[in-house]
Amino acid sequence: MISGATGAVAVVIVALAKSHGVEYIVGAVVLAGIIQVLAGVFKLGKYIRLVSHPVMFGFVNGLAVVIFLDQ
């Protein structure tokens, strides 16, 4: 069962695998991990407050629709 932020990653990874092939998944996952570590080191999480609640709700609802259609 995929839930939460993992659902967003799963949708992107499946699209990547369909368009470029499975061999690109490892590089994409490693690059995403490096970006997350750098965001943590530079304490960039505080900037999420600049994103309004309607934008976050719209993103999550759009993601739910995409996941529902792909199921």
PDB file of N, CA and C in Angstrom:
ATOM      1  N   MET A   1       0.849  -1.173   0.000  1.00  0.00           N
ATOM      2  CA  MET A   1       0.000   0.000   0.000  1.00  0.00           C
ATOM      3  C   MET A   1       0.890   1.230   0.000  1.00  0.00           C
ATOM      4  N   ILE A   2       0.615   2.131  -0.917  1.00  0.00           N
ATOM      5  CA  ILE A   2       1.395   3.364  -1.016  1.00  0.00           C
ATOM      6  C   ILE A   2       0.556   4.503  -0.461  1.00  0.00           C
ATOM      7  N   SER A   3       1.136   5.276   0.443  1.00  0.00           N
ATOM      8  CA  SER A   3       0.388   6.396   1.016  1.00  0.00           C
ATOM      9  C   SER A   3       1.338   7.560   1.273  1.00  0.00           C
ATOM     10  N   GLY A   4       0.759   8.719   1.447  1.00  0.00           N
ATOM     11  CA  GLY A   4       1.546   9.897   1.789  1.00  0.00           C
ATOM     12  C   GLY A   4       2.455  10.358   0.668  1.00  0.00           C
ATOM     13  N   ALA A   5       3.621  10.845   1.048  1.00  0.00           N
ATOM     14  CA  ALA A   5       4.574  11.378   0.065  1.00  0.00           C
ATOM     15  C   ALA A   5       5.101  10.292  -0.863  1.00  0.00           C
ATOM     16  N   THR A   6       5.054   9.047  -0.422  1.00  0.00           N
ATOM     17  CA  THR A   6       5.521   7.956  -1.261  1.00  0.00           C
ATOM     18  C   THR A   6       4.663   7.824  -2.513  1.00  0.00           C
ATOM     19  N   GLY A   7       3.388   8.171  -2.412  1.00  0.00           N
ATOM     20  CA  GLY A   7       2.510   8.132  -3.588  1.00  0.00           C
ATOM     21  C   GLY A   7       2.984   9.072  -4.678  1.00  0.00           C
ATOM     22  N   ALA A   8       3.436  10.248  -4.292  1.00  0.00           N
ATOM     23  CA  ALA A   8       3.940  11.216  -5.275  1.00  0.00           C
ATOM     24  C   ALA A   8       5.201  10.693  -5.946  1.00  0.00           C
ATOM     25  N   VAL A   9       6.075  10.090  -5.170  1.00  0.00           N
ATOM     26  CA  VAL A   9       7.307   9.552  -5.726  1.00  0.00           C
ATOM     27  C   VAL A   9       7.005   8.387  -6.654  1.00  0.00           C
ATOM     28  N   ALA A  10       6.060   7.534  -6.275  1.00  0.00           N
ATOM     29  CA  ALA A  10       5.715   6.376  -7.100  1.00  0.00           C
ATOM     30  C   ALA A  10       5.182   6.807  -8.456  1.00  0.00           C
ATOM     31  N   VAL A  11       4.351   7.830  -8.487  1.00  0.00           N
ATOM     32  CA  VAL A  11       3.803   8.314  -9.752  1.00  0.00           C
ATOM     33  C   VAL A  11       4.919   8.828 -10.662  1.00  0.00           C
ATOM     34  N   VAL A  12       5.860   9.567 -10.099  1.00  0.00           N
ATOM     35  CA  VAL A  12       6.956  10.119 -10.892  1.00  0.00           C
ATOM     36  C   VAL A  12       7.891   9.012 -11.373  1.00  0.00           C
ATOM     37  N   ILE A  13       8.191   8.047 -10.512  1.00  0.00           N
ATOM     38  CA  ILE A  13       9.099   6.964 -10.881  1.00  0.00           C
ATOM     39  C   ILE A  13       8.502   6.097 -11.988  1.00  0.00           C
ATOM     40  N   VAL A  14       7.215   5.809 -11.914  1.00  0.00           N
ATOM     41  CA  VAL A  14       6.567   5.016 -12.969  1.00  0.00           C
ATOM     42  C   VAL A  14       6.602   5.766 -14.298  1.00  0.00           C
ATOM     43  N   ALA A  15       6.340   7.058 -14.261  1.00  0.00           N
ATOM     44  CA  ALA A  15       6.398   7.858 -15.491  1.00  0.00           C
ATOM     45  C   ALA A  15       7.817   7.881 -16.057  1.00  0.00           C
ATOM     46  N   LEU A  16       8.815   7.974 -15.186  1.00  0.00           N
ATOM     47  CA  LEU A  16      10.207   7.952 -15.632  1.00  0.00           C
ATOM     48  C   LEU A  16      10.560   6.611 -16.269  1.00  0.00           C
ATOM     49  N   ALA A  17      10.131   5.529 -15.637  1.00  0.00           N
ATOM     50  CA  ALA A  17      10.438   4.201 -16.169  1.00  0.00           C
ATOM     51  C   ALA A  17       9.762   3.976 -17.516  1.00  0.00           C
ATOM     52  N   LYS A  18       8.537   4.475 -17.684  1.00  0.00           N
ATOM     53  CA  LYS A  18       7.828   4.305 -18.954  1.00  0.00           C
ATOM     54  C   LYS A  18       8.480   5.113 -20.072  1.00  0.00           C
ATOM     55  N   SER A  19       8.936   6.322 -19.754  1.00  0.00           N
ATOM     56  CA  SER A  19       9.452   7.189 -20.813  1.00  0.00           C
ATOM     57  C   SER A  19      10.928   6.947 -21.142  1.00  0.00           C
ATOM     58  N   HIS A  20      11.747   6.623 -20.127  1.00  0.00           N
ATOM     59  CA  HIS A  20      13.191   6.508 -20.358  1.00  0.00           C
ATOM     60  C   HIS A  20      13.751   5.112 -20.125  1.00  0.00           C
ATOM     61  N   GLY A  21      13.013   4.254 -19.494  1.00  0.00           N
ATOM     62  CA  GLY A  21      13.501   2.909 -19.210  1.00  0.00           C
ATOM     63  C   GLY A  21      13.884   2.746 -17.748  1.00  0.00           C
ATOM     64  N   VAL A  22      13.978   1.503 -17.342  1.00  0.00           N
ATOM     65  CA  VAL A  22      14.222   1.170 -15.933  1.00  0.00           C
ATOM     66  C   VAL A  22      15.613   1.599 -15.471  1.00  0.00           C
ATOM     67  N   GLU A  23      16.568   1.657 -16.386  1.00  0.00           N
ATOM     68  CA  GLU A  23      17.946   1.968 -15.983  1.00  0.00           C
ATOM     69  C   GLU A  23      18.109   3.379 -15.419  1.00  0.00           C
ATOM     70  N   TYR A  24      17.172   4.274 -15.652  1.00  0.00           N
ATOM     71  CA  TYR A  24      17.269   5.641 -15.141  1.00  0.00           C
ATOM     72  C   TYR A  24      16.749   5.779 -13.712  1.00  0.00           C
ATOM     73  N   ILE A  25      16.093   4.759 -13.198  1.00  0.00           N
ATOM     74  CA  ILE A  25      15.490   4.860 -11.863  1.00  0.00           C
ATOM     75  C   ILE A  25      16.559   5.003 -10.780  1.00  0.00           C
ATOM     76  N   VAL A  26      17.631   4.230 -10.856  1.00  0.00           N
ATOM     77  CA  VAL A  26      18.670   4.291  -9.818  1.00  0.00           C
ATOM     78  C   VAL A  26      19.284   5.688  -9.756  1.00  0.00           C
ATOM     79  N   GLY A  27      19.614   6.255 -10.901  1.00  0.00           N
ATOM     80  CA  GLY A  27      20.190   7.594 -10.923  1.00  0.00           C
ATOM     81  C   GLY A  27      19.235   8.646 -10.378  1.00  0.00           C
ATOM     82  N   ALA A  28      17.968   8.513 -10.725  1.00  0.00           N
ATOM     83  CA  ALA A  28      16.976   9.478 -10.241  1.00  0.00           C
ATOM     84  C   ALA A  28      16.804   9.386  -8.731  1.00  0.00           C
ATOM     85  N   VAL A  29      16.800   8.178  -8.193  1.00  0.00           N
ATOM     86  CA  VAL A  29      16.639   8.002  -6.747  1.00  0.00           C
ATOM     87  C   VAL A  29      17.865   8.529  -5.998  1.00  0.00           C
ATOM     88  N   VAL A  30      19.053   8.262  -6.512  1.00  0.00           N
ATOM     89  CA  VAL A  30      20.279   8.760  -5.869  1.00  0.00           C
ATOM     90  C   VAL A  30      20.313  10.287  -5.909  1.00  0.00           C
ATOM     91  N   LEU A  31      19.971  10.874  -7.061  1.00  0.00           N
ATOM     92  CA  LEU A  31      19.952  12.333  -7.172  1.00  0.00           C
ATOM     93  C   LEU A  31      18.926  12.945  -6.221  1.00  0.00           C
ATOM     94  N   ALA A  32      17.752  12.341  -6.117  1.00  0.00           N
ATOM     95  CA  ALA A  32      16.729  12.848  -5.189  1.00  0.00           C
ATOM     96  C   ALA A  32      17.222  12.775  -3.747  1.00  0.00           C
ATOM     97  N   GLY A  33      17.922  11.709  -3.397  1.00  0.00           N
ATOM     98  CA  GLY A  33      18.468  11.592  -2.045  1.00  0.00           C
ATOM     99  C   GLY A  33      19.507  12.657  -1.753  1.00  0.00           C
ATOM    100  N   ILE A  34      20.362  12.936  -2.727  1.00  0.00           N
ATOM    101  CA  ILE A  34      21.377  13.986  -2.552  1.00  0.00           C
ATOM    102  C   ILE A  34      20.711  15.345  -2.362  1.00  0.00           C
ATOM    103  N   ILE A  35      19.683  15.619  -3.161  1.00  0.00           N
ATOM    104  CA  ILE A  35      18.967  16.895  -3.028  1.00  0.00           C
ATOM    105  C   ILE A  35      18.309  17.002  -1.653  1.00  0.00           C
ATOM    106  N   GLN A  36      17.734  15.902  -1.158  1.00  0.00           N
ATOM    107  CA  GLN A  36      17.099  15.931   0.166  1.00  0.00           C
ATOM    108  C   GLN A  36      18.128  16.158   1.275  1.00  0.00           C
ATOM    109  N   VAL A  37      19.278  15.521   1.155  1.00  0.00           N
ATOM    110  CA  VAL A  37      20.325  15.719   2.164  1.00  0.00           C
ATOM    111  C   VAL A  37      20.813  17.165   2.155  1.00  0.00           C
ATOM    112  N   LEU A  38      21.034  17.726   0.973  1.00  0.00           N
ATOM    113  CA  LEU A  38      21.469  19.120   0.884  1.00  0.00           C
ATOM    114  C   LEU A  38      20.411  20.077   1.436  1.00  0.00           C
ATOM    115  N   ALA A  39      19.138  19.800   1.163  1.00  0.00           N
ATOM    116  CA  ALA A  39      18.070  20.641   1.717  1.00  0.00           C
ATOM    117  C   ALA A  39      18.064  20.576   3.240  1.00  0.00           C
ATOM    118  N   GLY A  40      18.361  19.404   3.797  1.00  0.00           N
ATOM    119  CA  GLY A  40      18.438  19.275   5.252  1.00  0.00           C
ATOM    120  C   GLY A  40      19.643  19.984   5.835  1.00  0.00           C
ATOM    121  N   VAL A  41      20.788  19.870   5.164  1.00  0.00           N
ATOM    122  CA  VAL A  41      22.018  20.520   5.647  1.00  0.00           C
ATOM    123  C   VAL A  41      21.864  22.038   5.643  1.00  0.00           C
ATOM    124  N   PHE A  42      21.260  22.567   4.587  1.00  0.00           N
ATOM    125  CA  PHE A  42      21.086  24.017   4.477  1.00  0.00           C
ATOM    126  C   PHE A  42      19.798  24.528   5.130  1.00  0.00           C
ATOM    127  N   LYS A  43      19.064  23.630   5.803  1.00  0.00           N
ATOM    128  CA  LYS A  43      17.849  23.972   6.550  1.00  0.00           C
ATOM    129  C   LYS A  43      16.829  24.720   5.682  1.00  0.00           C
ATOM    130  N   LEU A  44      16.537  24.158   4.525  1.00  0.00           N
ATOM    131  CA  LEU A  44      15.604  24.787   3.589  1.00  0.00           C
ATOM    132  C   LEU A  44      14.142  24.440   3.875  1.00  0.00           C
ATOM    133  N   GLY A  45      13.896  23.561   4.849  1.00  0.00           N
ATOM    134  CA  GLY A  45      12.530  23.173   5.188  1.00  0.00           C
ATOM    135  C   GLY A  45      11.683  24.324   5.704  1.00  0.00           C
ATOM    136  N   LYS A  46      12.311  25.343   6.240  1.00  0.00           N
ATOM    137  CA  LYS A  46      11.556  26.474   6.783  1.00  0.00           C
ATOM    138  C   LYS A  46      10.833  27.260   5.692  1.00  0.00           C
ATOM    139  N   TYR A  47      11.271  27.098   4.434  1.00  0.00           N
ATOM    140  CA  TYR A  47      10.656  27.839   3.336  1.00  0.00           C
ATOM    141  C   TYR A  47       9.332  27.251   2.865  1.00  0.00           C
ATOM    142  N   ILE A  48       8.957  26.092   3.386  1.00  0.00           N
ATOM    143  CA  ILE A  48       7.682  25.501   2.988  1.00  0.00           C
ATOM    144  C   ILE A  48       6.529  26.380   3.487  1.00  0.00           C
ATOM    145  N   ARG A  49       6.780  27.199   4.481  1.00  0.00           N
ATOM    146  CA  ARG A  49       5.749  28.115   4.977  1.00  0.00           C
ATOM    147  C   ARG A  49       5.337  29.138   3.929  1.00  0.00           C
ATOM    148  N   LEU A  50       6.175  29.363   2.925  1.00  0.00           N
ATOM    149  CA  LEU A  50       5.852  30.316   1.876  1.00  0.00           C
ATOM    150  C   LEU A  50       4.823  29.770   0.880  1.00  0.00           C
ATOM    151  N   VAL A  51       4.604  28.455   0.905  1.00  0.00           N
ATOM    152  CA  VAL A  51       3.614  27.839   0.020  1.00  0.00           C
ATOM    153  C   VAL A  51       2.265  27.900   0.725  1.00  0.00           C
ATOM    154  N   SER A  52       1.273  28.479   0.071  1.00  0.00           N
ATOM    155  CA  SER A  52      -0.032  28.653   0.708  1.00  0.00           C
ATOM    156  C   SER A  52      -0.764  27.319   0.840  1.00  0.00           C
ATOM    157  N   HIS A  53      -1.708  27.279   1.771  1.00  0.00           N
ATOM    158  CA  HIS A  53      -2.484  26.065   2.004  1.00  0.00           C
ATOM    159  C   HIS A  53      -3.309  25.652   0.785  1.00  0.00           C
ATOM    160  N   PRO A  54      -3.958  26.571   0.070  1.00  0.00           N
ATOM    161  CA  PRO A  54      -4.690  26.138  -1.127  1.00  0.00           C
ATOM    162  C   PRO A  54      -3.795  25.475  -2.178  1.00  0.00           C
ATOM    163  N   VAL A  55      -2.553  25.932  -2.295  1.00  0.00           N
ATOM    164  CA  VAL A  55      -1.633  25.304  -3.249  1.00  0.00           C
ATOM    165  C   VAL A  55      -1.298  23.884  -2.791  1.00  0.00           C
ATOM    166  N   MET A  56      -1.044  23.694  -1.507  1.00  0.00           N
ATOM    167  CA  MET A  56      -0.742  22.354  -0.997  1.00  0.00           C
ATOM    168  C   MET A  56      -1.949  21.429  -1.138  1.00  0.00           C
ATOM    169  N   PHE A  57      -3.151  21.940  -0.821  1.00  0.00           N
ATOM    170  CA  PHE A  57      -4.351  21.114  -0.969  1.00  0.00           C
ATOM    171  C   PHE A  57      -4.590  20.752  -2.427  1.00  0.00           C
ATOM    172  N   GLY A  58      -4.371  21.680  -3.325  1.00  0.00           N
ATOM    173  CA  GLY A  58      -4.531  21.403  -4.744  1.00  0.00           C
ATOM    174  C   GLY A  58      -3.547  20.361  -5.234  1.00  0.00           C
ATOM    175  N   PHE A  59      -2.314  20.449  -4.773  1.00  0.00           N
ATOM    176  CA  PHE A  59      -1.305  19.455  -5.157  1.00  0.00           C
ATOM    177  C   PHE A  59      -1.695  18.074  -4.662  1.00  0.00           C
ATOM    178  N   VAL A  60      -2.098  17.973  -3.405  1.00  0.00           N
ATOM    179  CA  VAL A  60      -2.452  16.672  -2.836  1.00  0.00           C
ATOM    180  C   VAL A  60      -3.694  16.111  -3.524  1.00  0.00           C
ATOM    181  N   ASN A  61      -4.686  16.953  -3.793  1.00  0.00           N
ATOM    182  CA  ASN A  61      -5.890  16.473  -4.476  1.00  0.00           C
ATOM    183  C   ASN A  61      -5.574  16.048  -5.904  1.00  0.00           C
ATOM    184  N   GLY A  62      -4.754  16.802  -6.611  1.00  0.00           N
ATOM    185  CA  GLY A  62      -4.347  16.407  -7.956  1.00  0.00           C
ATOM    186  C   GLY A  62      -3.584  15.099  -7.947  1.00  0.00           C
ATOM    187  N   LEU A  63      -2.719  14.924  -6.955  1.00  0.00           N
ATOM    188  CA  LEU A  63      -1.981  13.673  -6.810  1.00  0.00           C
ATOM    189  C   LEU A  63      -2.928  12.511  -6.546  1.00  0.00           C
ATOM    190  N   ALA A  64      -3.943  12.746  -5.732  1.00  0.00           N
ATOM    191  CA  ALA A  64      -4.924  11.697  -5.455  1.00  0.00           C
ATOM    192  C   ALA A  64      -5.654  11.280  -6.735  1.00  0.00           C
ATOM    193  N   VAL A  65      -5.984  12.243  -7.571  1.00  0.00           N
ATOM    194  CA  VAL A  65      -6.660  11.925  -8.831  1.00  0.00           C
ATOM    195  C   VAL A  65      -5.743  11.122  -9.732  1.00  0.00           C
ATOM    196  N   VAL A  66      -4.483  11.513  -9.825  1.00  0.00           N
ATOM    197  CA  VAL A  66      -3.530  10.784 -10.675  1.00  0.00           C
ATOM    198  C   VAL A  66      -3.350   9.351 -10.171  1.00  0.00           C
ATOM    199  N   ILE A  67      -3.181   9.182  -8.871  1.00  0.00           N
ATOM    200  CA  ILE A  67      -3.032   7.837  -8.304  1.00  0.00           C
ATOM    201  C   ILE A  67      -4.291   7.021  -8.542  1.00  0.00           C
ATOM    202  N   PHE A  68      -5.462   7.621  -8.370  1.00  0.00           N
ATOM    203  CA  PHE A  68      -6.724   6.912  -8.580  1.00  0.00           C
ATOM    204  C   PHE A  68      -6.845   6.447 -10.043  1.00  0.00           C
ATOM    205  N   LEU A  69      -6.461   7.301 -10.974  1.00  0.00           N
ATOM    206  CA  LEU A  69      -6.559   6.934 -12.394  1.00  0.00           C
ATOM    207  C   LEU A  69      -5.552   5.863 -12.781  1.00  0.00           C
ATOM    208  N   ASP A  70      -4.403   5.821 -12.090  1.00  0.00           N
ATOM    209  CA  ASP A  70      -3.389   4.820 -12.409  1.00  0.00           C
ATOM    210  C   ASP A  70      -3.651   3.474 -11.738  1.00  0.00           C
ATOM    211  N   GLN A  71      -4.557   3.426 -10.785  1.00  0.00           N
ATOM    212  CA  GLN A  71      -4.816   2.169 -10.064  1.00  0.00           C
ATOM    213  C   GLN A  71      -5.537   1.174 -10.946  1.00  0.00           C
TER     214      GLN A  71
END
